[in-house]
N, C-alpha and C. Protein backbone atom coordinates (compact mmCIF):
# COMPACT_ATOMS: atom_id res chain seq x y z
N LYS A 1 0.77 -1.21 0.12
CA LYS A 1 0.09 -0.03 0.06
C LYS A 1 0.87 1.25 -0.10
N VAL A 2 0.53 2.11 -0.99
CA VAL A 2 1.45 3.35 -0.99
C VAL A 2 0.63 4.52 -0.17
N VAL A 3 1.41 5.07 0.86
CA VAL A 3 0.86 5.97 1.60
C VAL A 3 1.84 7.19 1.78
N ARG A 4 1.31 8.43 1.57
CA ARG A 4 2.23 9.63 2.09
C ARG A 4 2.57 9.68 3.30
N ASN A 5 3.88 10.07 3.65
CA ASN A 5 4.44 10.30 4.70
C ASN A 5 3.59 11.55 5.38
N GLN A 6 3.25 11.37 6.60
CA GLN A 6 2.34 12.52 7.09
C GLN A 6 3.25 13.47 8.21
N ASP A 7 4.28 13.18 8.12
CA ASP A 7 5.23 13.86 9.04
C ASP A 7 5.69 15.14 8.46
N PRO A 8 5.10 16.27 9.09
CA PRO A 8 5.37 17.55 8.59
C PRO A 8 6.98 18.25 8.45
N ALA A 9 7.67 17.36 9.37
CA ALA A 9 9.15 17.71 9.41
C ALA A 9 10.00 16.87 8.38
N ALA A 10 9.33 16.13 7.56
CA ALA A 10 10.07 15.21 6.78
C ALA A 10 10.74 16.02 5.54
N VAL A 11 11.82 15.35 5.18
CA VAL A 11 12.59 16.06 4.05
C VAL A 11 13.16 14.95 3.12
N ILE A 12 13.36 15.30 1.85
CA ILE A 12 13.78 14.44 0.94
C ILE A 12 15.42 14.10 1.21
N SER A 13 15.90 13.28 0.71
CA SER A 13 17.30 12.75 0.76
C SER A 13 18.05 13.75 0.16
N ALA A 14 19.49 13.91 0.56
CA ALA A 14 20.28 14.89 0.00
C ALA A 14 20.53 14.72 -1.45
N ASP A 15 20.44 13.51 -1.85
CA ASP A 15 20.82 12.98 -3.38
C ASP A 15 19.77 13.80 -4.32
N PHE A 16 18.55 14.15 -3.74
CA PHE A 16 17.60 14.79 -4.66
C PHE A 16 17.25 16.25 -4.15
N ALA A 17 18.05 16.79 -3.30
CA ALA A 17 17.63 18.28 -2.80
C ALA A 17 18.30 19.18 -3.62
N LYS A 18 19.23 18.77 -4.55
CA LYS A 18 20.12 19.91 -5.22
C LYS A 18 19.33 20.70 -6.16
N THR A 19 19.56 21.75 -6.46
CA THR A 19 18.57 22.73 -7.48
C THR A 19 19.43 22.72 -8.71
N SER A 20 20.65 22.68 -8.58
CA SER A 20 21.40 23.06 -9.88
C SER A 20 22.38 21.69 -10.06
N ARG A 21 22.43 21.19 -11.34
CA ARG A 21 23.36 20.17 -11.81
C ARG A 21 23.90 20.76 -13.09
N GLU A 22 25.16 20.08 -13.36
CA GLU A 22 25.64 20.32 -14.65
C GLU A 22 25.07 19.74 -15.74
N CYS A 23 24.85 20.50 -16.98
CA CYS A 23 24.15 19.91 -18.13
C CYS A 23 25.19 20.18 -19.23
N PRO A 24 25.45 19.16 -19.94
CA PRO A 24 25.11 17.85 -19.66
C PRO A 24 25.99 17.16 -18.58
N PRO A 25 25.67 16.09 -18.05
CA PRO A 25 24.47 15.05 -18.27
C PRO A 25 23.16 15.26 -17.61
N PHE A 26 23.29 16.21 -16.73
CA PHE A 26 21.98 16.44 -16.02
C PHE A 26 20.96 17.57 -16.66
N CYS A 27 20.46 17.18 -17.71
CA CYS A 27 19.87 18.19 -18.44
C CYS A 27 18.13 17.92 -18.22
N ALA A 28 17.48 18.84 -18.21
CA ALA A 28 15.94 18.74 -18.09
C ALA A 28 15.53 17.84 -19.36
N GLN A 29 14.71 16.99 -18.89
CA GLN A 29 14.23 16.14 -19.75
C GLN A 29 12.66 16.49 -20.34
N PRO A 30 12.40 16.28 -21.74
CA PRO A 30 11.13 16.79 -22.25
C PRO A 30 10.01 16.05 -21.50
N MET A 31 8.75 16.51 -21.61
CA MET A 31 7.41 15.77 -21.01
C MET A 31 7.26 14.47 -21.78
N GLU A 32 7.57 14.51 -22.86
CA GLU A 32 7.46 13.16 -23.70
C GLU A 32 8.87 12.58 -24.17
N ALA A 33 8.83 11.33 -23.55
CA ALA A 33 10.21 10.54 -23.66
C ALA A 33 10.47 10.23 -25.19
N ALA A 34 9.44 9.73 -25.89
CA ALA A 34 9.38 9.31 -27.31
C ALA A 34 7.98 9.45 -27.76
N PRO A 35 7.78 9.47 -29.13
CA PRO A 35 6.45 9.56 -29.59
C PRO A 35 5.79 8.35 -29.23
N GLY A 36 4.53 8.78 -28.82
CA GLY A 36 3.55 7.62 -28.56
C GLY A 36 3.51 7.11 -27.09
N VAL A 37 4.62 7.61 -26.25
CA VAL A 37 4.69 7.04 -25.04
C VAL A 37 3.98 8.11 -24.00
N LYS A 38 3.08 7.68 -23.22
CA LYS A 38 2.42 8.51 -22.38
C LYS A 38 3.21 8.82 -21.04
N THR A 39 3.33 10.20 -20.64
CA THR A 39 3.88 10.56 -19.48
C THR A 39 2.97 10.44 -18.37
N TYR A 40 3.31 9.96 -17.09
CA TYR A 40 2.51 9.84 -16.04
C TYR A 40 3.15 10.58 -14.82
N GLY A 41 2.09 11.02 -13.92
CA GLY A 41 2.50 11.69 -12.56
C GLY A 41 2.34 10.87 -11.56
N GLU A 42 2.46 11.20 -10.22
CA GLU A 42 2.28 10.32 -9.20
C GLU A 42 0.90 9.67 -9.03
N VAL A 43 -0.17 10.47 -9.41
CA VAL A 43 -1.39 9.69 -9.25
C VAL A 43 -1.56 8.45 -10.10
N GLU A 44 -1.14 8.90 -11.42
CA GLU A 44 -1.03 7.65 -12.41
C GLU A 44 -0.35 6.51 -11.98
N VAL A 45 0.67 6.91 -11.44
CA VAL A 45 1.64 5.76 -11.05
C VAL A 45 1.04 4.94 -10.12
N VAL A 46 0.25 5.49 -9.06
CA VAL A 46 -0.32 4.86 -7.91
C VAL A 46 -1.41 3.79 -8.57
N LYS A 47 -2.20 4.33 -9.54
CA LYS A 47 -3.22 3.66 -10.30
C LYS A 47 -2.77 2.78 -11.06
N PHE A 48 -1.69 2.76 -11.68
CA PHE A 48 -1.00 1.68 -12.41
C PHE A 48 -0.50 0.67 -11.43
N MET A 49 -0.07 0.88 -10.19
CA MET A 49 0.17 -0.09 -9.34
C MET A 49 -1.03 -0.89 -8.82
N ALA A 50 -2.09 -0.20 -8.63
CA ALA A 50 -3.36 -0.86 -8.10
C ALA A 50 -3.97 -1.52 -9.28
N ASN A 51 -3.92 -1.21 -10.56
CA ASN A 51 -4.41 -1.82 -11.68
C ASN A 51 -3.42 -2.92 -12.31
N GLU A 52 -2.59 -2.22 -13.29
CA GLU A 52 -1.90 -3.25 -14.16
C GLU A 52 -1.05 -4.10 -13.29
N MET A 53 -0.32 -3.64 -12.31
CA MET A 53 0.56 -4.43 -11.51
C MET A 53 -0.21 -5.60 -10.81
N ALA A 54 -1.45 -5.19 -10.16
CA ALA A 54 -2.27 -5.97 -9.36
C ALA A 54 -2.94 -7.24 -10.25
N LYS A 55 -3.01 -6.82 -11.48
CA LYS A 55 -3.53 -7.86 -12.53
C LYS A 55 -2.38 -8.58 -13.30
N GLY A 56 -1.12 -8.31 -13.07
CA GLY A 56 -0.02 -8.91 -13.64
C GLY A 56 0.17 -8.58 -14.93
N THR A 57 -0.43 -7.44 -15.53
CA THR A 57 -0.23 -7.08 -16.95
C THR A 57 0.86 -5.89 -17.08
N GLY A 58 1.33 -5.28 -15.84
CA GLY A 58 2.35 -4.43 -16.01
C GLY A 58 3.37 -4.38 -15.16
N LEU A 59 4.65 -3.72 -15.35
CA LEU A 59 5.71 -3.84 -14.39
C LEU A 59 6.19 -2.39 -14.17
N ILE A 60 6.64 -1.89 -12.95
CA ILE A 60 7.48 -0.69 -12.93
C ILE A 60 8.97 -0.99 -13.00
N ILE A 61 9.49 -0.22 -13.89
CA ILE A 61 10.96 -0.46 -14.26
C ILE A 61 11.75 0.62 -13.67
N ASP A 62 12.50 0.48 -12.67
CA ASP A 62 13.68 1.38 -12.21
C ASP A 62 14.79 1.30 -13.22
N ALA A 63 14.83 2.35 -14.09
CA ALA A 63 16.01 2.14 -15.22
C ALA A 63 17.20 2.79 -14.71
N ARG A 64 17.47 2.95 -13.40
CA ARG A 64 18.71 3.53 -12.95
C ARG A 64 19.80 2.48 -12.94
N THR A 65 20.97 2.96 -12.79
CA THR A 65 21.95 2.04 -12.63
C THR A 65 21.92 1.54 -11.25
N PRO A 66 22.66 0.36 -11.15
CA PRO A 66 22.48 -0.37 -9.65
C PRO A 66 22.94 0.32 -8.58
N ASP A 67 23.97 1.24 -8.79
CA ASP A 67 24.28 2.15 -7.61
C ASP A 67 23.19 3.00 -7.08
N TRP A 68 22.30 3.55 -7.78
CA TRP A 68 21.29 4.30 -7.69
C TRP A 68 20.02 3.39 -6.89
N TYR A 69 19.88 2.43 -7.64
CA TYR A 69 18.80 1.38 -7.16
C TYR A 69 19.25 1.00 -5.69
N ALA A 70 20.35 0.82 -5.56
CA ALA A 70 20.54 0.27 -3.91
C ALA A 70 20.41 1.30 -2.92
N LYS A 71 20.19 2.67 -3.36
CA LYS A 71 19.80 3.64 -2.41
C LYS A 71 18.29 3.53 -1.94
N GLY A 72 17.45 2.73 -2.60
CA GLY A 72 16.13 2.65 -2.48
C GLY A 72 15.26 2.95 -3.93
N THR A 73 14.08 2.29 -3.86
CA THR A 73 13.33 2.37 -5.20
C THR A 73 11.95 2.62 -4.71
N ILE A 74 11.21 2.91 -6.00
CA ILE A 74 9.61 3.02 -5.81
C ILE A 74 9.19 1.48 -5.39
N PRO A 75 8.36 1.31 -4.47
CA PRO A 75 7.81 -0.01 -4.13
C PRO A 75 7.16 -0.69 -5.34
N GLY A 76 7.62 -1.89 -5.26
CA GLY A 76 7.19 -2.74 -6.40
C GLY A 76 8.09 -2.89 -7.82
N SER A 77 9.04 -1.85 -7.93
CA SER A 77 9.87 -1.68 -9.10
C SER A 77 10.82 -2.95 -9.07
N ILE A 78 11.13 -3.15 -10.33
CA ILE A 78 12.39 -3.97 -10.67
C ILE A 78 13.32 -3.41 -11.28
N ASN A 79 14.67 -3.52 -11.04
CA ASN A 79 15.75 -2.81 -11.66
C ASN A 79 16.11 -3.54 -12.91
N VAL A 80 16.04 -2.66 -13.96
CA VAL A 80 16.65 -3.22 -15.27
C VAL A 80 17.23 -1.82 -15.93
N PRO A 81 18.49 -1.85 -15.57
CA PRO A 81 19.32 -0.47 -15.95
C PRO A 81 19.16 -0.14 -17.51
N TYR A 82 19.19 1.17 -17.60
CA TYR A 82 18.91 1.64 -19.15
C TYR A 82 19.96 1.05 -20.04
N THR A 83 21.20 0.66 -19.32
CA THR A 83 22.07 0.33 -20.33
C THR A 83 21.98 -1.22 -20.65
N ASP A 84 21.00 -1.82 -20.16
CA ASP A 84 20.92 -3.35 -20.63
C ASP A 84 19.88 -3.42 -21.65
N VAL A 85 19.11 -2.27 -21.93
CA VAL A 85 17.87 -2.48 -23.01
C VAL A 85 18.15 -1.41 -24.08
N ASN A 86 19.41 -1.03 -24.22
CA ASN A 86 19.70 0.14 -25.19
C ASN A 86 20.93 -0.39 -26.27
N PRO A 87 20.45 -1.08 -27.37
CA PRO A 87 21.48 -1.52 -28.24
C PRO A 87 22.49 -0.33 -28.76
N SER A 88 21.94 0.91 -28.78
CA SER A 88 23.01 2.02 -29.05
C SER A 88 24.06 2.13 -28.10
N LEU A 89 23.94 1.69 -26.83
CA LEU A 89 24.67 1.94 -25.74
C LEU A 89 25.66 0.48 -25.74
N GLY A 90 25.49 -0.39 -26.57
CA GLY A 90 26.33 -1.51 -26.56
C GLY A 90 25.64 -2.63 -25.60
N ALA A 91 24.37 -2.64 -25.18
CA ALA A 91 23.58 -3.55 -24.58
C ALA A 91 23.92 -4.98 -25.26
N ASP A 92 24.24 -6.00 -24.45
CA ASP A 92 24.52 -7.25 -25.27
C ASP A 92 23.37 -8.06 -25.27
N ASP A 93 23.40 -9.15 -26.08
CA ASP A 93 21.96 -10.05 -26.43
C ASP A 93 21.75 -10.66 -25.22
N VAL A 94 22.48 -11.03 -24.18
CA VAL A 94 22.03 -11.68 -22.99
C VAL A 94 21.50 -10.84 -22.18
N ALA A 95 21.89 -9.45 -21.94
CA ALA A 95 21.06 -8.55 -21.11
C ALA A 95 19.85 -8.21 -21.68
N ILE A 96 19.77 -8.09 -22.87
CA ILE A 96 18.53 -7.71 -23.60
C ILE A 96 17.67 -8.81 -23.54
N ALA A 97 17.94 -10.02 -23.80
CA ALA A 97 17.14 -11.41 -23.75
C ALA A 97 16.53 -11.50 -22.28
N ASP A 98 17.46 -11.29 -21.15
CA ASP A 98 16.97 -11.32 -19.91
C ASP A 98 15.87 -10.32 -19.47
N ALA A 99 16.15 -9.08 -20.04
CA ALA A 99 15.17 -8.14 -19.90
C ALA A 99 13.76 -8.39 -20.42
N MET A 100 14.09 -8.60 -21.81
CA MET A 100 12.79 -8.99 -22.65
C MET A 100 11.93 -10.30 -21.92
N GLU A 101 12.79 -11.29 -21.35
CA GLU A 101 11.90 -12.43 -20.84
C GLU A 101 11.14 -11.76 -19.66
N LYS A 102 11.80 -10.98 -18.73
CA LYS A 102 10.99 -10.31 -17.65
C LYS A 102 9.85 -9.66 -18.12
N PHE A 103 9.85 -8.98 -19.21
CA PHE A 103 8.73 -8.14 -19.66
C PHE A 103 7.76 -8.99 -20.52
N GLY A 104 7.90 -10.17 -20.69
CA GLY A 104 6.78 -10.97 -21.40
C GLY A 104 7.14 -11.10 -22.76
N ALA A 105 8.07 -10.52 -23.35
CA ALA A 105 8.16 -10.59 -24.91
C ALA A 105 8.90 -11.99 -25.20
N ALA A 106 8.60 -12.49 -26.44
CA ALA A 106 9.42 -13.66 -26.81
C ALA A 106 10.09 -13.63 -28.09
N LYS A 107 11.23 -14.20 -28.26
CA LYS A 107 12.03 -14.29 -29.40
C LYS A 107 11.46 -15.02 -30.40
N LYS A 108 11.34 -14.60 -31.59
CA LYS A 108 10.88 -15.33 -32.88
C LYS A 108 11.76 -15.15 -34.00
N GLY A 109 12.56 -15.81 -34.24
CA GLY A 109 13.53 -15.92 -35.19
C GLY A 109 14.47 -14.74 -34.68
N ASP A 110 14.67 -13.90 -35.53
CA ASP A 110 15.54 -12.63 -35.32
C ASP A 110 14.68 -11.50 -34.70
N LYS A 111 13.54 -11.54 -34.30
CA LYS A 111 12.78 -10.53 -33.88
C LYS A 111 12.00 -10.71 -32.77
N TRP A 112 11.45 -9.73 -32.10
CA TRP A 112 10.90 -9.99 -30.76
C TRP A 112 9.40 -9.97 -30.92
N ASP A 113 8.53 -10.92 -30.38
CA ASP A 113 6.95 -10.87 -30.43
C ASP A 113 6.64 -10.31 -29.17
N PHE A 114 5.93 -9.14 -29.29
CA PHE A 114 5.46 -8.43 -27.95
C PHE A 114 3.89 -8.57 -27.90
N SER A 115 3.32 -9.61 -28.29
CA SER A 115 1.74 -9.83 -28.15
C SER A 115 1.60 -10.12 -26.68
N LYS A 116 2.34 -10.67 -26.00
CA LYS A 116 2.11 -11.11 -24.59
C LYS A 116 2.91 -10.13 -23.69
N ALA A 117 3.51 -9.15 -24.12
CA ALA A 117 4.44 -8.40 -23.38
C ALA A 117 3.63 -7.56 -22.37
N LYS A 118 4.12 -7.14 -21.28
CA LYS A 118 3.50 -6.29 -20.27
C LYS A 118 3.68 -4.69 -20.60
N SER A 119 2.83 -4.02 -20.04
CA SER A 119 3.00 -2.64 -20.07
C SER A 119 4.04 -2.17 -19.03
N LEU A 120 4.93 -1.34 -19.41
CA LEU A 120 6.14 -1.03 -18.49
C LEU A 120 6.00 0.57 -18.24
N LEU A 121 6.13 0.89 -16.97
CA LEU A 121 6.27 2.12 -16.48
C LEU A 121 7.57 2.29 -16.07
N LEU A 122 8.34 3.22 -16.89
CA LEU A 122 9.88 3.42 -16.50
C LEU A 122 10.02 4.64 -15.93
N TRP A 123 10.98 4.74 -15.07
CA TRP A 123 11.34 5.81 -14.43
C TRP A 123 12.84 5.91 -13.97
N CYS A 124 13.43 7.00 -13.46
CA CYS A 124 14.87 7.21 -13.06
C CYS A 124 14.78 8.25 -11.98
N ASN A 125 15.77 9.01 -11.89
CA ASN A 125 16.03 9.99 -10.85
C ASN A 125 15.12 11.14 -10.69
N GLY A 126 14.71 11.72 -11.70
CA GLY A 126 13.65 12.85 -12.02
C GLY A 126 13.69 13.59 -13.27
N PRO A 127 13.27 14.72 -13.12
CA PRO A 127 12.98 15.40 -14.43
C PRO A 127 14.07 15.82 -15.10
N TRP A 128 15.57 15.61 -14.46
CA TRP A 128 16.80 16.11 -14.96
C TRP A 128 17.51 14.78 -15.32
N CYS A 129 16.97 13.69 -15.33
CA CYS A 129 17.58 12.62 -15.43
C CYS A 129 17.27 11.86 -16.79
N GLY A 130 18.27 11.41 -17.64
CA GLY A 130 17.94 10.71 -18.98
C GLY A 130 17.87 9.30 -18.99
N GLN A 131 17.88 8.50 -17.72
CA GLN A 131 18.31 7.27 -17.86
C GLN A 131 17.02 6.47 -18.31
N SER A 132 15.77 6.83 -17.88
CA SER A 132 14.65 6.25 -18.35
C SER A 132 14.13 6.46 -19.71
N PRO A 133 14.32 7.84 -20.29
CA PRO A 133 13.97 7.99 -21.63
C PRO A 133 15.01 7.35 -22.62
N THR A 134 16.40 7.07 -22.01
CA THR A 134 17.23 6.34 -22.99
C THR A 134 16.82 4.94 -23.01
N ALA A 135 16.29 4.40 -21.66
CA ALA A 135 15.71 3.02 -21.79
C ALA A 135 14.56 2.81 -22.71
N ILE A 136 13.67 3.94 -22.62
CA ILE A 136 12.56 3.76 -23.44
C ILE A 136 12.89 3.74 -25.09
N LYS A 137 13.85 4.53 -25.21
CA LYS A 137 14.38 4.83 -26.76
C LYS A 137 14.95 3.48 -26.98
N GLY A 138 15.72 2.69 -26.32
CA GLY A 138 16.18 1.51 -26.57
C GLY A 138 15.05 0.52 -26.80
N LEU A 139 14.29 0.28 -25.88
CA LEU A 139 13.18 -0.55 -26.26
C LEU A 139 12.55 -0.45 -27.28
N MET A 140 12.33 0.88 -27.86
CA MET A 140 11.52 1.11 -29.05
C MET A 140 12.45 0.74 -30.17
N GLN A 141 13.77 0.76 -30.19
CA GLN A 141 14.63 0.45 -30.95
C GLN A 141 14.51 -1.15 -31.42
N LEU A 142 14.05 -1.86 -30.12
CA LEU A 142 14.16 -3.20 -30.34
C LEU A 142 12.71 -3.75 -30.78
N GLY A 143 11.76 -2.91 -30.75
CA GLY A 143 10.59 -3.00 -31.48
C GLY A 143 9.42 -3.05 -30.27
N TYR A 144 9.64 -2.69 -29.05
CA TYR A 144 8.63 -2.50 -28.04
C TYR A 144 7.74 -1.54 -28.41
N PRO A 145 6.40 -1.95 -28.55
CA PRO A 145 5.37 -1.07 -28.83
C PRO A 145 5.09 0.27 -27.84
N ALA A 146 5.39 1.37 -28.55
CA ALA A 146 5.11 2.69 -27.70
C ALA A 146 3.91 2.62 -26.76
N ASP A 147 2.88 1.94 -27.13
CA ASP A 147 1.64 2.05 -26.44
C ASP A 147 1.74 1.08 -25.10
N LYS A 148 2.68 0.47 -25.29
CA LYS A 148 2.97 -0.38 -23.94
C LYS A 148 4.18 0.11 -23.10
N LEU A 149 4.56 1.32 -23.28
CA LEU A 149 5.68 2.03 -22.65
C LEU A 149 4.96 3.46 -22.13
N LEU A 150 5.35 3.57 -20.63
CA LEU A 150 4.96 4.73 -20.12
C LEU A 150 6.15 5.37 -19.30
N TYR A 151 6.03 6.56 -18.93
CA TYR A 151 7.35 7.37 -18.61
C TYR A 151 6.74 8.09 -17.36
N TYR A 152 7.40 7.93 -16.28
CA TYR A 152 7.31 8.66 -15.07
C TYR A 152 8.29 9.65 -14.91
N ARG A 153 8.13 10.86 -15.42
CA ARG A 153 9.28 11.75 -15.56
C ARG A 153 9.70 12.25 -14.17
N GLY A 154 8.72 12.35 -13.19
CA GLY A 154 9.24 12.83 -11.97
C GLY A 154 10.22 11.98 -11.08
N GLY A 155 10.13 10.67 -11.38
CA GLY A 155 11.18 9.85 -10.78
C GLY A 155 11.33 9.89 -9.33
N MET A 156 12.49 9.45 -8.86
CA MET A 156 12.78 9.34 -7.26
C MET A 156 12.49 10.82 -6.69
N GLN A 157 13.12 11.80 -7.39
CA GLN A 157 13.16 13.04 -6.83
C GLN A 157 11.48 13.59 -6.52
N GLU A 158 10.81 13.68 -7.44
CA GLU A 158 9.34 14.03 -7.20
C GLU A 158 8.72 12.87 -6.37
N TRP A 159 8.76 11.60 -6.27
CA TRP A 159 8.22 10.59 -5.52
C TRP A 159 8.62 11.10 -4.18
N GLN A 160 9.99 11.37 -3.71
CA GLN A 160 10.27 11.95 -2.34
C GLN A 160 9.43 13.13 -2.04
N ILE A 161 9.51 14.20 -2.88
CA ILE A 161 8.87 15.55 -2.74
C ILE A 161 7.55 15.24 -2.19
N PHE A 162 6.82 14.25 -2.96
CA PHE A 162 5.32 14.02 -2.41
C PHE A 162 5.26 13.19 -1.20
N GLY A 163 6.54 12.79 -0.78
CA GLY A 163 6.30 12.12 0.61
C GLY A 163 5.95 10.51 0.44
N LEU A 164 5.98 9.98 -0.73
CA LEU A 164 5.77 8.75 -1.03
C LEU A 164 6.95 7.74 -0.57
N PRO A 165 6.49 6.43 -0.34
CA PRO A 165 7.36 5.59 0.39
C PRO A 165 8.58 5.15 -0.70
N VAL A 166 9.75 5.00 -0.10
CA VAL A 166 10.78 4.56 -0.74
C VAL A 166 11.19 3.00 -0.18
N ALA A 167 11.27 2.07 -1.21
CA ALA A 167 11.51 0.62 -0.54
C ALA A 167 12.93 0.21 -0.76
N PRO A 168 13.43 -0.59 0.19
CA PRO A 168 14.75 -1.17 0.08
C PRO A 168 14.79 -1.85 -1.27
N PRO A 169 15.98 -2.02 -2.05
CA PRO A 169 15.97 -3.01 -3.17
C PRO A 169 15.54 -4.30 -2.99
N ALA A 170 14.92 -5.07 -4.00
CA ALA A 170 14.72 -6.46 -3.78
C ALA A 170 15.96 -7.29 -3.91
N LYS A 171 16.07 -8.32 -3.05
CA LYS A 171 17.37 -9.00 -3.02
C LYS A 171 17.48 -10.11 -4.04
C-alpha cells in the first residue's frame, strides 16, 4: 500500500535536494520521452500499481544504474538498468534477452514478439535524469510498442517530494 508520509518535518534525501546540476549530463528532460509514450504523474503511477501491477499486466521499471537502485526504489519496481536495454549503448544480447523475458516478450527468429508483453512504466532519478528516456528509446529500437511504454518523468526526486514511500531494493 502506498501512503504519503504525514510527518510535516520530513525532508527528501540529499541526493535529490540539489537545485542545480551540470548539463550535460543532468539536463531537463522533455515531457514526452518518445512519440506515442504517455507521461505519468504520481497519481497515475499509484493507479498503475493498483491496476496493471495487481492484474499482472504491468511492471514498474527502475531504469537507473545499480548504484542508484541500491539507495532505494519505488515500491514494486524491478531494476533493469537503461544500459541493459539500449543496443545503441552496447547492450549485449544476453542482457537484452533477460530483460525481454522479464517483460513477457518472446524471441521469434531474429525479432521479438510483443503480443504478450507487459505494459512497462519506466522511471529514473527525476526530471533532470535521462536514464529512463534512454531505456524507452532503446526498447523502441528493439520493437517494443510505444503504447506499452509509460514514462514517469518525476522519478525518485518527485516521488520523495510528494512524501511517498521508498522501498529497499529487492534481494
